[in-house]
Amino acid sequence: MAASGVMALSGVAFADNVVNDVDVAAGDNTITAGGTTTIGYKVNATGVGSDGQAGCNASDATPATVTLSVPANVTASKTSLTFTACNAFQQVTFSSAVAGDYNINVSNITDAGVGSYNNQANWTLHVAAPPPPPNTAPSVSVGGVTDGASYEIGSEPSPSCEVTDAEDGNSTVAAIITGTLSHGLGTQTATCDYIDEGGLAADTATATYAIVDTGNPTIGHTLSPSTPDGDNGWYTQDVTVAFTCADVGGSGIDTCVGDTTLGEGEDQSVTGTATDWAGNTATDTVSDVDIDKTAPAVALNGGPGASYYYGNDPVAPTCDASDALSGLASCEVTGGGTSVGAHSYTATATDNAGNTATATLNYTVLAWTTKGYYAPVDMGGVLNTVKGGSTVPLKFELFAGPTELTSTSAVTSFKTQKISCTSAVGTEDAIELLTTGGTSLRYDTTAGQFIQNWRTPTGAGSCYAATMTSNDGSTITALFKIK
């Protein structure tokens, strides 16, 4: 590029040259990105002109100014150079961080004095990319687990591969896990391999570790029935003991043993055992289980036989009971009776478990045998005609089986009742009969019979029933008509 100055005097001055000291052979025009090169610029005089100048246009009163054009991505230490003399270099340092070819040109040369200039200082800066750094092999280690360590099942860490690489940067990659576990237990090996982007491989790293289960399982139980249905904490039926085992978060249950059905017995116990796959165990014991399914033995001692006659009451029976397991809680006798008819005594025995048993004694109280009324009274529903106000002897006998009764206390009452003369049905309430002359019931030992003298009422045409009732409830009735 050429630039011209202004000729101020007559005559012609030779044009000076603007040059630089770029030495291509020495590589002054080539740098590595990020590097620098220093280039010297100067003005060379070309001879003495007609103006009388001594061959250097820049040495007059007005210096020469050289302006450099520097492209983007290139930095210059300065871009404007002022020359007041020739052959003296001014240094400019150029740098660039971006690879490429850049033209460094003189864009303008100015001088207000005499003379002109030739631009011979344009050049090209070659910026080369930096060479790749040397590649070194990466290294890798196993992270998360320690070689030879043991970890609790469910809490074991996750192995990883930790990569250190000076060129590619550090990173974390997945480890390869080998080893077969049984129920989550066993030994595993984490293996780490890595090849960097330059193709260099790290030395293989491994860590072998164990997964263990040191926690015990749990065990509990249920009873069926869940609570006694007997008394005093006793069961009265078989009891089934069932065990439930668990190993939450562990290796799981291998065996759960102990289920048992208990029969009769006192203070029984059952132990269940839970074992996990690691061999850890836990036990649970059910104790003090009392079972009595058998009712007590019971009997009645004494008391009446199959039957007896009224009034011959024997002593009531007593309860005889025993229980071989839970023991006897109570034995009670209920029932009985002394009236004529069928009766029974019942013995109820209860053991401490609430089992009961009964024994029964059945018997009959026999009625007395009545005989009479004897003559002069007619029986069999015949109406005996008697004079009102007269005395009628009512004669009879009482027998308790073969034994004749002779005490008047055996008779409860004598009553008369006005009745219909045609149907013999009572028409008035019965009343105590009247006795004659203040006489009362007596037993005639000579005749061997009871005698009750009855003074008949007055009132012709009326009819009466005269009834004797003995203590056992037996009766004798005769019918009478008053004339």
Protein backbone atom coordinates (compact mmCIF):
# COMPACT_ATOMS: atom_id res chain seq x y z
CA MET A 1 0.00 0.00 0.00
CA ALA A 2 1.47 3.40 -1.04
CA ALA A 3 0.78 6.73 0.59
CA SER A 4 1.85 10.17 -0.72
CA GLY A 5 2.81 13.29 1.16
CA VAL A 6 2.51 16.97 0.21
CA MET A 7 5.30 18.64 -1.80
CA ALA A 8 5.77 22.12 -0.31
CA LEU A 9 8.87 23.40 -2.18
CA SER A 10 9.95 23.54 -5.77
CA GLY A 11 11.70 20.49 -6.88
CA VAL A 12 10.82 16.86 -6.15
CA ALA A 13 11.68 14.80 -3.07
CA PHE A 14 12.07 11.13 -3.28
CA ALA A 15 9.25 9.11 -1.52
CA ASP A 16 10.41 7.47 1.68
CA ASN A 17 9.39 3.88 2.47
CA VAL A 18 7.38 2.76 5.49
CA VAL A 19 8.61 -0.78 6.31
CA ASN A 20 8.62 -3.36 9.08
CA ASP A 21 11.01 -6.03 10.21
CA VAL A 22 8.80 -9.09 9.82
CA ASP A 23 11.11 -12.06 9.31
CA VAL A 24 8.99 -14.78 7.78
CA ALA A 25 11.86 -17.23 7.88
CA ALA A 26 12.25 -16.62 11.57
CA GLY A 27 8.50 -17.10 12.08
CA ASP A 28 7.82 -13.54 13.19
CA ASN A 29 4.53 -13.67 11.32
CA THR A 30 3.30 -16.88 13.06
CA ILE A 31 2.12 -17.30 16.62
CA THR A 32 0.16 -19.89 18.57
CA ALA A 33 -3.27 -18.85 19.76
CA GLY A 34 -2.75 -16.99 22.99
CA GLY A 35 0.84 -16.09 22.07
CA THR A 36 2.42 -12.77 20.94
CA THR A 37 4.83 -11.42 18.32
CA THR A 38 6.58 -8.04 18.33
CA ILE A 39 7.06 -6.26 15.02
CA GLY A 40 9.19 -3.14 14.46
CA TYR A 41 8.01 -0.32 12.11
CA LYS A 42 10.29 2.47 10.67
CA VAL A 43 10.65 4.99 7.86
CA ASN A 44 13.51 4.43 5.38
CA ALA A 45 14.89 7.45 3.53
CA THR A 46 15.42 6.94 -0.19
CA GLY A 47 17.91 9.81 -1.05
CA VAL A 48 18.34 13.62 -1.31
CA GLY A 49 15.59 15.36 -3.20
CA SER A 50 15.50 18.59 -5.06
CA ASP A 51 14.13 20.17 -1.95
CA GLY A 52 17.45 19.79 -0.36
CA GLN A 53 16.22 17.42 2.29
CA ALA A 54 18.74 14.91 3.50
CA GLY A 55 16.67 11.94 2.28
CA CYS A 56 14.20 11.66 5.23
CA ASN A 57 10.83 13.30 4.83
CA ALA A 58 9.87 12.60 8.40
CA SER A 59 12.75 14.58 9.86
CA ASP A 60 11.40 17.99 9.07
CA ALA A 61 9.30 20.11 11.35
CA THR A 62 6.20 18.03 10.77
CA PRO A 63 6.54 14.33 11.79
CA ALA A 64 4.97 11.49 9.85
CA THR A 65 2.08 9.50 11.39
CA VAL A 66 1.46 5.86 10.43
CA THR A 67 -1.94 4.32 11.33
CA LEU A 68 -2.33 0.53 11.49
CA SER A 69 -5.51 -1.36 10.60
CA VAL A 70 -5.92 -4.31 13.06
CA PRO A 71 -8.76 -6.81 12.39
CA ALA A 72 -11.06 -8.21 15.05
CA ASN A 73 -9.66 -11.07 17.21
CA VAL A 74 -6.20 -9.37 17.06
CA THR A 75 -4.91 -7.04 19.74
CA ALA A 76 -2.06 -4.50 19.08
CA SER A 77 -0.11 -2.72 21.77
CA LYS A 78 -0.67 0.47 19.71
CA THR A 79 -2.13 1.35 16.31
CA SER A 80 -0.76 4.87 15.75
CA LEU A 81 3.00 5.45 15.21
CA THR A 82 4.67 8.89 15.02
CA PHE A 83 8.06 9.22 13.27
CA THR A 84 10.36 12.27 13.57
CA ALA A 85 13.36 10.50 12.10
CA CYS A 86 14.18 7.70 9.75
CA ASN A 87 15.66 4.28 10.41
CA ALA A 88 14.48 4.11 14.02
CA PHE A 89 12.14 1.20 14.74
CA GLN A 90 9.03 1.52 16.89
CA GLN A 91 7.89 -1.79 18.36
CA VAL A 92 4.25 -3.02 18.26
CA THR A 93 3.22 -6.25 19.96
CA PHE A 94 0.40 -8.30 18.43
CA SER A 95 -1.57 -11.14 20.05
CA SER A 96 -4.65 -13.29 19.33
CA ALA A 97 -6.44 -16.12 21.06
CA VAL A 98 -8.33 -17.24 17.95
CA ALA A 99 -6.62 -19.29 15.26
CA GLY A 100 -6.70 -17.83 11.72
CA ASP A 101 -4.89 -15.57 9.19
CA TYR A 102 -5.18 -11.85 9.85
CA ASN A 103 -3.97 -8.99 7.56
CA ILE A 104 -2.14 -6.29 9.50
CA ASN A 105 -2.09 -3.27 7.15
CA VAL A 106 -1.08 0.37 7.22
CA SER A 107 -4.33 2.17 6.71
CA ASN A 108 -3.01 5.72 6.56
CA ILE A 109 0.28 7.75 6.42
CA THR A 110 0.13 11.43 7.01
CA ASP A 111 2.80 14.20 6.96
CA ALA A 112 1.96 17.90 6.83
CA GLY A 113 5.47 18.70 5.56
CA VAL A 114 7.35 17.93 2.40
CA GLY A 115 7.66 14.50 0.93
CA SER A 116 5.70 11.37 0.27
CA TYR A 117 5.75 7.84 1.50
CA ASN A 118 5.54 4.36 0.08
CA ASN A 119 3.73 1.75 2.20
CA GLN A 120 5.79 -1.40 2.26
CA ALA A 121 4.71 -2.54 5.74
CA ASN A 122 1.59 -4.69 5.12
CA TRP A 123 1.86 -8.28 6.38
CA THR A 124 -0.23 -11.32 7.39
CA LEU A 125 -0.34 -12.67 10.94
CA HIS A 126 -0.79 -16.43 11.05
CA VAL A 127 -2.39 -17.62 14.37
CA ALA A 128 -2.11 -21.38 14.80
CA ALA A 129 -4.37 -23.42 17.06
CA PRO A 130 -2.57 -24.62 20.20
CA PRO A 131 -1.45 -28.23 20.06
CA PRO A 132 -3.59 -30.63 22.07
CA PRO A 133 -2.27 -31.19 25.56
CA PRO A 134 -0.59 -34.50 26.21
CA ASN A 135 -3.14 -37.23 27.20
CA THR A 136 -2.54 -39.03 30.49
CA ALA A 137 -4.28 -42.19 31.59
CA PRO A 138 -7.27 -41.72 33.92
CA SER A 139 -7.65 -43.41 37.27
CA VAL A 140 -10.79 -44.98 38.73
CA SER A 141 -11.79 -46.09 42.23
CA VAL A 142 -14.86 -47.75 43.73
CA GLY A 143 -17.00 -45.35 45.70
CA GLY A 144 -19.89 -45.98 48.05
CA VAL A 145 -18.59 -49.28 49.42
CA THR A 146 -15.37 -50.42 51.06
CA ASP A 147 -13.53 -53.55 50.11
CA GLY A 148 -14.00 -56.19 52.80
CA ALA A 149 -16.84 -54.33 54.56
CA SER A 150 -20.20 -55.74 55.62
CA TYR A 151 -23.48 -53.89 55.24
CA GLU A 152 -26.84 -54.54 56.85
CA ILE A 153 -29.51 -55.74 54.45
CA GLY A 154 -31.80 -52.92 53.44
CA SER A 155 -29.18 -50.32 54.34
CA GLU A 156 -26.44 -51.27 51.90
CA PRO A 157 -24.99 -48.33 49.89
CA SER A 158 -24.93 -48.18 46.08
CA PRO A 159 -21.46 -48.71 44.60
CA SER A 160 -20.18 -46.21 42.02
CA CYS A 161 -17.07 -45.59 39.94
CA GLU A 162 -15.23 -42.38 40.73
CA VAL A 163 -13.15 -41.27 37.71
CA THR A 164 -10.21 -38.85 37.88
CA ASP A 165 -9.06 -37.59 34.43
CA ALA A 166 -6.76 -34.58 34.02
CA GLU A 167 -7.82 -33.97 30.43
CA ASP A 168 -11.50 -35.05 30.27
CA GLY A 169 -12.45 -33.99 33.80
CA ASN A 170 -13.63 -36.00 36.80
CA SER A 171 -16.88 -37.94 36.66
CA THR A 172 -18.94 -40.64 38.31
CA VAL A 173 -20.16 -43.67 36.38
CA ALA A 174 -22.05 -46.81 37.35
CA ALA A 175 -20.20 -49.81 38.69
CA ILE A 176 -20.76 -53.33 37.44
CA ILE A 177 -22.13 -55.50 40.27
CA THR A 178 -21.54 -59.24 40.27
CA GLY A 179 -22.34 -61.93 42.77
CA THR A 180 -25.54 -63.87 43.50
CA LEU A 181 -27.53 -63.13 46.63
CA SER A 182 -29.79 -65.57 48.41
CA HIS A 183 -32.68 -63.93 50.25
CA GLY A 184 -30.79 -60.68 49.89
CA LEU A 185 -27.68 -62.04 51.63
CA GLY A 186 -24.25 -62.89 50.29
CA THR A 187 -21.12 -61.39 48.77
CA GLN A 188 -21.00 -58.94 45.87
CA THR A 189 -18.17 -57.38 43.90
CA ALA A 190 -18.28 -53.90 42.41
CA THR A 191 -15.98 -53.58 39.36
CA CYS A 192 -14.94 -50.26 37.80
CA ASP A 193 -13.34 -49.86 34.33
CA TYR A 194 -12.94 -46.61 32.37
CA ILE A 195 -11.51 -45.53 29.00
CA ASP A 196 -11.00 -41.80 28.42
CA GLU A 197 -11.72 -39.89 25.22
CA GLY A 198 -8.15 -40.35 24.14
CA GLY A 199 -8.51 -44.10 24.34
CA LEU A 200 -6.44 -44.62 27.47
CA ALA A 201 -7.83 -47.10 30.02
CA ALA A 202 -7.68 -46.80 33.77
CA ASP A 203 -6.53 -49.70 35.88
CA THR A 204 -9.51 -51.83 36.96
CA ALA A 205 -10.69 -51.20 40.52
CA THR A 206 -12.80 -53.65 42.54
CA ALA A 207 -14.35 -53.82 45.98
CA THR A 208 -15.84 -56.98 47.43
CA TYR A 209 -18.33 -56.55 50.25
CA ALA A 210 -20.90 -58.60 52.13
CA ILE A 211 -24.62 -58.02 52.73
CA VAL A 212 -25.58 -59.42 56.12
CA ASP A 213 -28.61 -59.58 58.41
CA THR A 214 -27.78 -59.16 62.09
CA GLY A 215 -31.26 -58.17 63.28
CA ASN A 216 -33.54 -60.67 64.95
CA PRO A 217 -36.98 -61.44 63.52
CA THR A 218 -40.14 -60.89 65.55
CA ILE A 219 -42.69 -63.40 66.77
CA GLY A 220 -46.08 -63.11 68.44
CA HIS A 221 -48.98 -65.42 69.17
CA THR A 222 -52.73 -65.70 69.25
CA LEU A 223 -54.91 -68.04 71.28
CA SER A 224 -58.12 -69.65 70.11
CA PRO A 225 -60.31 -69.09 71.98
CA SER A 226 -58.67 -65.78 72.78
CA THR A 227 -59.84 -65.71 76.40
CA PRO A 228 -61.08 -68.37 78.84
CA ASP A 229 -64.79 -69.15 78.64
CA GLY A 230 -64.54 -70.89 82.03
CA ASP A 231 -64.12 -69.50 85.55
CA ASN A 232 -61.02 -68.32 87.40
CA GLY A 233 -58.88 -68.18 84.26
CA TRP A 234 -59.51 -71.80 83.30
CA TYR A 235 -60.35 -72.87 79.78
CA THR A 236 -62.95 -75.60 79.40
CA GLN A 237 -61.98 -76.62 75.87
CA ASP A 238 -58.82 -77.28 73.87
CA VAL A 239 -56.70 -74.15 73.24
CA THR A 240 -54.90 -73.63 69.93
CA VAL A 241 -51.70 -71.56 70.13
CA ALA A 242 -50.71 -70.06 66.76
CA PHE A 243 -47.46 -68.14 66.26
CA THR A 244 -46.94 -65.33 63.75
CA CYS A 245 -43.40 -64.51 62.59
CA ALA A 246 -42.05 -61.50 60.69
CA ASP A 247 -38.68 -60.11 59.59
CA VAL A 248 -39.46 -56.66 58.27
CA GLY A 249 -36.59 -55.21 56.31
CA GLY A 250 -34.48 -58.31 56.89
CA SER A 251 -33.76 -61.49 54.99
CA GLY A 252 -37.25 -62.89 55.62
CA ILE A 253 -38.59 -65.77 57.68
CA ASP A 254 -37.12 -69.20 57.05
CA THR A 255 -39.11 -71.11 59.67
CA CYS A 256 -41.86 -70.25 62.13
CA VAL A 257 -42.57 -73.19 64.40
CA GLY A 258 -44.55 -73.84 67.52
CA ASP A 259 -48.25 -73.98 66.62
CA THR A 260 -49.80 -76.31 69.17
CA THR A 261 -53.22 -77.41 70.40
CA LEU A 262 -53.26 -77.93 74.15
CA GLY A 263 -55.56 -80.35 75.90
CA GLU A 264 -56.33 -80.73 79.58
CA GLY A 265 -53.70 -79.70 82.04
CA GLU A 266 -52.65 -77.03 84.47
CA ASP A 267 -49.93 -74.41 84.01
CA GLN A 268 -49.12 -75.50 80.46
CA SER A 269 -46.73 -73.57 78.22
CA VAL A 270 -45.72 -73.49 74.55
CA THR A 271 -42.66 -71.83 72.99
CA GLY A 272 -42.55 -70.70 69.37
CA THR A 273 -39.36 -69.91 67.46
CA ALA A 274 -38.87 -67.64 64.45
CA THR A 275 -35.73 -68.10 62.36
CA ASP A 276 -34.75 -65.83 59.47
CA TRP A 277 -32.59 -66.79 56.50
CA ALA A 278 -29.54 -65.40 58.23
CA GLY A 279 -30.03 -67.79 61.14
CA ASN A 280 -31.15 -65.13 63.60
CA THR A 281 -33.86 -66.32 65.98
CA ALA A 282 -36.55 -64.97 68.26
CA THR A 283 -38.79 -66.85 70.68
CA ASP A 284 -42.16 -66.27 72.26
CA THR A 285 -43.50 -68.30 75.16
CA VAL A 286 -47.14 -68.71 76.12
CA SER A 287 -47.36 -69.86 79.71
CA ASP A 288 -49.83 -70.58 82.49
CA VAL A 289 -52.51 -72.06 80.25
CA ASP A 290 -55.00 -73.96 82.44
CA ILE A 291 -57.49 -76.27 80.75
CA ASP A 292 -60.12 -78.38 82.55
CA LYS A 293 -62.70 -79.99 80.27
CA THR A 294 -63.89 -82.64 82.70
CA ALA A 295 -66.85 -82.11 84.97
CA PRO A 296 -66.40 -83.01 88.63
CA ALA A 297 -67.55 -86.32 90.03
CA VAL A 298 -70.73 -85.98 92.11
CA ALA A 299 -73.07 -88.27 94.08
CA LEU A 300 -75.78 -88.03 96.72
CA ASN A 301 -75.13 -89.68 100.07
CA GLY A 302 -78.09 -90.80 102.18
CA GLY A 303 -81.60 -89.55 101.68
CA PRO A 304 -84.78 -91.52 101.00
CA GLY A 305 -85.03 -94.74 99.15
CA ALA A 306 -87.32 -95.29 96.22
CA SER A 307 -90.39 -94.50 98.39
CA TYR A 308 -91.64 -94.04 101.88
CA TYR A 309 -94.97 -93.36 103.55
CA TYR A 310 -95.95 -89.88 104.39
CA GLY A 311 -94.62 -88.71 107.70
CA ASN A 312 -91.64 -91.06 107.77
CA ASP A 313 -89.31 -88.39 106.38
CA PRO A 314 -85.69 -89.48 106.26
CA VAL A 315 -82.74 -87.09 106.65
CA ALA A 316 -82.01 -85.20 103.42
CA PRO A 317 -79.07 -86.52 101.38
CA THR A 318 -75.70 -84.78 101.32
CA CYS A 319 -73.52 -83.86 98.34
CA ASP A 320 -70.39 -85.89 97.75
CA ALA A 321 -68.15 -84.43 94.97
CA SER A 322 -64.53 -84.16 93.90
CA ASP A 323 -62.47 -82.71 91.00
CA ALA A 324 -58.99 -83.90 90.20
CA LEU A 325 -57.79 -80.91 88.10
CA SER A 326 -59.05 -77.41 88.83
CA GLY A 327 -60.55 -78.43 92.17
CA LEU A 328 -64.03 -78.32 93.57
CA ALA A 329 -65.66 -74.90 93.89
CA SER A 330 -69.06 -75.89 95.29
CA CYS A 331 -71.54 -78.72 95.77
CA GLU A 332 -75.18 -77.97 96.52
CA VAL A 333 -78.24 -80.13 97.10
CA THR A 334 -81.59 -78.77 95.92
CA GLY A 335 -85.09 -80.18 95.57
CA GLY A 336 -86.71 -82.72 97.84
CA GLY A 337 -90.17 -82.61 99.35
CA THR A 338 -92.34 -84.40 101.95
CA SER A 339 -95.78 -84.08 100.40
CA VAL A 340 -97.44 -87.09 98.85
CA GLY A 341 -96.22 -87.62 95.34
CA ALA A 342 -93.03 -87.89 93.29
CA HIS A 343 -89.98 -85.87 94.35
CA SER A 344 -86.27 -85.66 93.62
CA TYR A 345 -83.09 -84.34 95.15
CA THR A 346 -80.40 -82.91 92.82
CA ALA A 347 -76.75 -82.51 93.73
CA THR A 348 -74.91 -79.93 91.58
CA ALA A 349 -71.11 -79.88 91.73
CA THR A 350 -69.10 -77.04 90.15
CA ASP A 351 -65.33 -77.08 89.74
CA ASN A 352 -63.08 -74.00 89.68
CA ALA A 353 -63.13 -74.00 85.89
CA GLY A 354 -66.91 -73.71 85.84
CA ASN A 355 -67.63 -77.28 84.74
CA THR A 356 -70.73 -78.71 86.40
CA ALA A 357 -72.13 -82.17 87.03
CA THR A 358 -75.35 -83.32 88.65
CA ALA A 359 -76.63 -86.40 90.42
CA THR A 360 -80.33 -87.03 91.00
CA LEU A 361 -82.20 -89.10 93.61
CA ASN A 362 -85.83 -89.77 92.69
CA TYR A 363 -88.32 -90.97 95.29
CA THR A 364 -92.02 -91.10 96.02
CA VAL A 365 -93.89 -90.14 99.20
CA LEU A 366 -96.75 -92.64 99.54
CA ALA A 367 -100.18 -91.69 100.78
CA TRP A 368 -101.73 -93.28 103.83
CA THR A 369 -104.45 -95.87 103.49
CA THR A 370 -107.85 -94.77 104.82
CA LYS A 371 -110.63 -97.10 105.89
CA GLY A 372 -114.14 -95.99 106.89
CA TYR A 373 -116.44 -94.54 107.63
CA TYR A 374 -117.68 -97.62 109.37
CA ALA A 375 -121.26 -98.51 110.38
CA PRO A 376 -123.61 -97.00 111.08
CA VAL A 377 -122.51 -94.77 108.18
CA ASP A 378 -122.97 -96.10 104.68
CA MET A 379 -120.37 -95.21 102.06
CA GLY A 380 -120.22 -95.40 98.29
CA GLY A 381 -122.20 -92.25 97.56
CA VAL A 382 -125.24 -93.32 99.57
CA LEU A 383 -127.22 -90.52 101.22
CA ASN A 384 -127.46 -91.44 104.90
CA THR A 385 -130.78 -90.22 106.28
CA VAL A 386 -130.36 -88.76 109.75
CA LYS A 387 -132.51 -86.72 112.11
CA GLY A 388 -131.53 -83.15 112.36
CA GLY A 389 -129.69 -82.41 115.60
CA SER A 390 -128.82 -86.06 116.20
CA THR A 391 -125.33 -87.44 116.77
CA VAL A 392 -123.60 -89.52 114.12
CA PRO A 393 -120.39 -91.39 115.05
CA LEU A 394 -117.83 -91.12 112.22
CA LYS A 395 -115.56 -94.13 112.60
CA PHE A 396 -112.42 -94.74 110.50
CA GLU A 397 -108.87 -96.08 110.44
CA LEU A 398 -105.57 -94.72 109.04
CA PHE A 399 -102.57 -96.84 107.95
CA ALA A 400 -99.08 -95.82 106.90
CA GLY A 401 -98.39 -98.89 104.91
CA PRO A 402 -98.84 -101.81 107.30
CA THR A 403 -98.62 -99.55 110.34
CA GLU A 404 -101.91 -98.35 111.85
CA LEU A 405 -101.87 -94.79 113.04
CA THR A 406 -103.40 -94.15 116.45
CA SER A 407 -102.58 -90.55 117.24
CA THR A 408 -105.33 -88.02 116.66
CA SER A 409 -102.65 -85.66 115.42
CA ALA A 410 -102.71 -87.66 112.19
CA VAL A 411 -106.08 -86.04 111.40
CA THR A 412 -106.00 -82.54 109.94
CA SER A 413 -109.70 -81.68 109.93
CA PHE A 414 -113.36 -82.65 109.82
CA LYS A 415 -115.54 -80.44 107.65
CA THR A 416 -119.14 -80.47 106.46
CA GLN A 417 -120.47 -78.83 103.34
CA LYS A 418 -124.05 -78.36 102.28
CA ILE A 419 -124.58 -80.07 98.93
CA SER A 420 -127.26 -80.65 96.31
CA CYS A 421 -129.32 -83.66 97.27
CA THR A 422 -129.53 -84.72 93.63
CA SER A 423 -126.03 -84.06 92.27
CA ALA A 424 -124.05 -84.14 95.52
CA VAL A 425 -122.30 -80.97 94.38
CA GLY A 426 -121.41 -78.50 97.10
CA THR A 427 -123.60 -75.42 97.35
CA GLU A 428 -121.88 -73.76 100.34
CA ASP A 429 -118.37 -73.53 101.70
CA ALA A 430 -117.28 -76.35 103.95
CA ILE A 431 -117.16 -75.63 107.69
CA GLU A 432 -115.79 -77.45 110.67
CA LEU A 433 -118.36 -79.95 111.83
CA LEU A 434 -120.00 -79.67 115.20
CA THR A 435 -119.19 -82.23 117.84
CA THR A 436 -121.65 -83.58 120.38
CA GLY A 437 -121.50 -82.64 124.01
CA GLY A 438 -118.04 -81.13 123.67
CA THR A 439 -116.51 -84.47 122.77
CA SER A 440 -113.62 -84.44 120.29
CA LEU A 441 -111.79 -86.82 118.05
CA ARG A 442 -110.46 -89.83 119.88
CA TYR A 443 -108.86 -93.13 119.14
CA ASP A 444 -110.73 -96.09 120.59
CA THR A 445 -108.06 -98.59 121.45
CA THR A 446 -110.64 -101.28 122.11
CA ALA A 447 -112.28 -100.96 118.74
CA GLY A 448 -109.00 -99.99 117.11
CA GLN A 449 -110.43 -97.01 115.29
CA PHE A 450 -110.84 -93.24 115.35
CA ILE A 451 -114.23 -91.86 116.38
CA GLN A 452 -115.55 -88.38 115.74
CA ASN A 453 -119.13 -87.67 116.96
CA TRP A 454 -120.94 -85.27 114.64
CA ARG A 455 -124.08 -83.45 115.68
CA THR A 456 -126.10 -83.04 112.50
CA PRO A 457 -127.63 -79.69 111.62
CA THR A 458 -131.36 -79.07 111.59
CA GLY A 459 -133.34 -78.32 108.49
CA ALA A 460 -135.27 -81.20 106.98
CA GLY A 461 -134.60 -81.90 103.33
CA SER A 462 -131.08 -80.52 103.26
CA CYS A 463 -128.07 -82.65 102.38
CA TYR A 464 -124.45 -82.57 103.62
CA ALA A 465 -121.07 -84.10 102.91
CA ALA A 466 -118.93 -84.87 105.93
CA THR A 467 -115.23 -85.12 105.12
CA MET A 468 -112.24 -86.19 107.20
CA THR A 469 -108.83 -85.07 105.94
CA SER A 470 -105.66 -86.72 107.26
CA ASN A 471 -102.26 -85.08 107.43
CA ASP A 472 -101.10 -86.71 104.19
CA GLY A 473 -104.04 -85.19 102.33
CA SER A 474 -106.07 -88.41 102.17
CA THR A 475 -109.85 -87.96 102.68
CA ILE A 476 -112.96 -89.93 103.64
CA THR A 477 -116.35 -88.46 102.67
CA ALA A 478 -119.89 -89.63 103.48
CA LEU A 479 -123.19 -88.07 102.34
CA PHE A 480 -126.11 -87.27 104.62
CA LYS A 481 -129.73 -86.07 104.26
CA ILE A 482 -131.48 -84.38 107.16
CA LYS A 483 -135.07 -85.42 107.91
